[in-house]
Amino acid sequence: MPKEIRDLKVFLEHARRKDAKSIRIKKTVSQRVSLKPKTKFKLRCSRFLYTLVLDDPDRADKLEQSLPPGASLYLCEPYQSFDIRTGLDVKRVELKATKKK
């Protein structure tokens, strides 16, 4: 079952647990200039998938550096999302997750 977390401290506490298996980092790019790019952190634990969404790229970089060193990090390539307001159908690029060393 997925759960959304809105607090950074709570997300880091969950990331330091023993049952945390992997963390996927997914960055989205919007077609509209006015919208900021979003970064999603998806933490896979034994029971739940925890998700944290950040709008600020600086905070996302700081969080990425403060993750536990033993965690399995997977960086997904950025893709363009569908923009509902303009009705444009944007091609979605396949996500290829690469493990960060």
Protein backbone atom coordinates (compact mmCIF):
# COMPACT_ATOMS: atom_id res chain seq x y z
CA MET A 1 0.00 0.00 0.00
CA PRO A 2 1.40 3.43 -0.89
CA LYS A 3 1.48 6.25 1.62
CA GLU A 4 2.39 9.89 1.04
CA ILE A 5 4.69 11.62 3.51
CA ARG A 6 4.81 15.41 3.62
CA ASP A 7 7.52 15.90 6.27
CA LEU A 8 11.24 15.53 5.50
CA LYS A 9 12.17 14.36 8.99
CA VAL A 10 9.58 11.59 8.95
CA PHE A 11 10.80 10.45 5.53
CA LEU A 12 14.41 10.30 6.75
CA GLU A 13 13.33 8.32 9.82
CA HIS A 14 11.62 5.78 7.57
CA ALA A 15 14.69 5.65 5.29
CA ARG A 16 16.91 4.73 8.24
CA ARG A 17 14.76 1.77 9.28
CA LYS A 18 16.07 -1.76 8.83
CA ASP A 19 13.23 -2.83 6.53
CA ALA A 20 13.92 -0.01 4.01
CA LYS A 21 14.98 -1.81 0.82
CA SER A 22 15.46 0.82 -1.87
CA ILE A 23 14.85 4.46 -2.76
CA ARG A 24 13.86 5.59 -6.26
CA ILE A 25 14.37 9.22 -7.22
CA LYS A 26 12.18 10.39 -10.09
CA LYS A 27 12.34 13.90 -11.55
CA THR A 28 9.53 15.27 -13.71
CA VAL A 29 9.72 18.11 -16.22
CA SER A 30 6.58 20.04 -17.13
CA GLN A 31 5.74 21.48 -20.53
CA ARG A 32 4.63 24.78 -19.04
CA VAL A 33 7.30 27.24 -18.04
CA SER A 34 5.32 28.46 -15.04
CA LEU A 35 5.31 25.05 -13.35
CA LYS A 36 8.35 23.98 -11.34
CA PRO A 37 9.95 20.58 -11.86
CA LYS A 38 9.02 18.07 -9.17
CA THR A 39 11.19 15.43 -7.57
CA LYS A 40 9.61 12.29 -6.16
CA PHE A 41 11.35 10.11 -3.62
CA LYS A 42 9.86 6.62 -3.39
CA LEU A 43 10.98 4.54 -0.42
CA ARG A 44 10.23 0.80 -0.57
CA CYS A 45 9.83 -0.77 2.86
CA SER A 46 8.60 -4.25 3.69
CA ARG A 47 4.97 -3.24 4.08
CA PHE A 48 4.46 0.19 2.50
CA LEU A 49 5.77 2.33 -0.36
CA TYR A 50 6.37 5.80 1.06
CA THR A 51 6.36 8.77 -1.34
CA LEU A 52 7.68 12.29 -0.78
CA VAL A 53 7.16 14.98 -3.44
CA LEU A 54 9.34 18.12 -3.42
CA ASP A 55 8.89 21.19 -5.64
CA ASP A 56 12.20 22.82 -4.73
CA PRO A 57 15.22 21.35 -6.59
CA ASP A 58 17.68 22.64 -3.97
CA ARG A 59 15.87 20.87 -1.15
CA ALA A 60 15.69 17.72 -3.28
CA ASP A 61 19.48 17.76 -3.81
CA LYS A 62 20.08 18.26 -0.09
CA LEU A 63 17.74 15.39 0.75
CA GLU A 64 19.45 13.14 -1.79
CA GLN A 65 22.81 13.81 -0.15
CA SER A 66 21.45 13.24 3.37
CA LEU A 67 20.00 9.80 2.64
CA PRO A 68 21.64 6.89 4.49
CA PRO A 69 24.88 5.75 2.81
CA GLY A 70 23.89 2.06 2.79
CA ALA A 71 20.60 2.62 0.97
CA SER A 72 20.07 1.32 -2.56
CA LEU A 73 19.45 4.45 -4.65
CA TYR A 74 17.90 4.24 -8.11
CA LEU A 75 17.87 7.38 -10.28
CA CYS A 76 15.12 7.44 -12.92
CA GLU A 77 15.54 9.53 -16.04
CA PRO A 78 13.33 12.64 -16.15
CA TYR A 79 10.21 12.46 -18.26
CA GLN A 80 7.70 15.01 -19.46
CA SER A 81 4.29 14.82 -17.89
CA PHE A 82 0.89 15.33 -19.49
CA ASP A 83 -0.35 18.88 -19.04
CA ILE A 84 -4.08 18.89 -18.31
CA ARG A 85 -4.54 22.65 -18.69
CA THR A 86 -3.33 22.88 -22.27
CA GLY A 87 -4.60 19.48 -23.36
CA LEU A 88 -1.31 18.63 -25.03
CA ASP A 89 -0.47 14.96 -25.27
CA VAL A 90 3.20 14.78 -24.44
CA LYS A 91 5.19 11.68 -25.34
CA ARG A 92 6.31 9.83 -22.28
CA VAL A 93 9.85 8.57 -22.23
CA GLU A 94 10.38 5.11 -20.77
CA LEU A 95 11.95 5.23 -17.34
CA LYS A 96 15.25 3.43 -17.07
CA ALA A 97 16.29 3.14 -13.47
CA THR A 98 20.02 3.08 -12.86
CA LYS A 99 21.52 2.14 -9.55
CA LYS A 100 23.63 4.90 -8.02
CA LYS A 101 27.03 3.78 -6.73
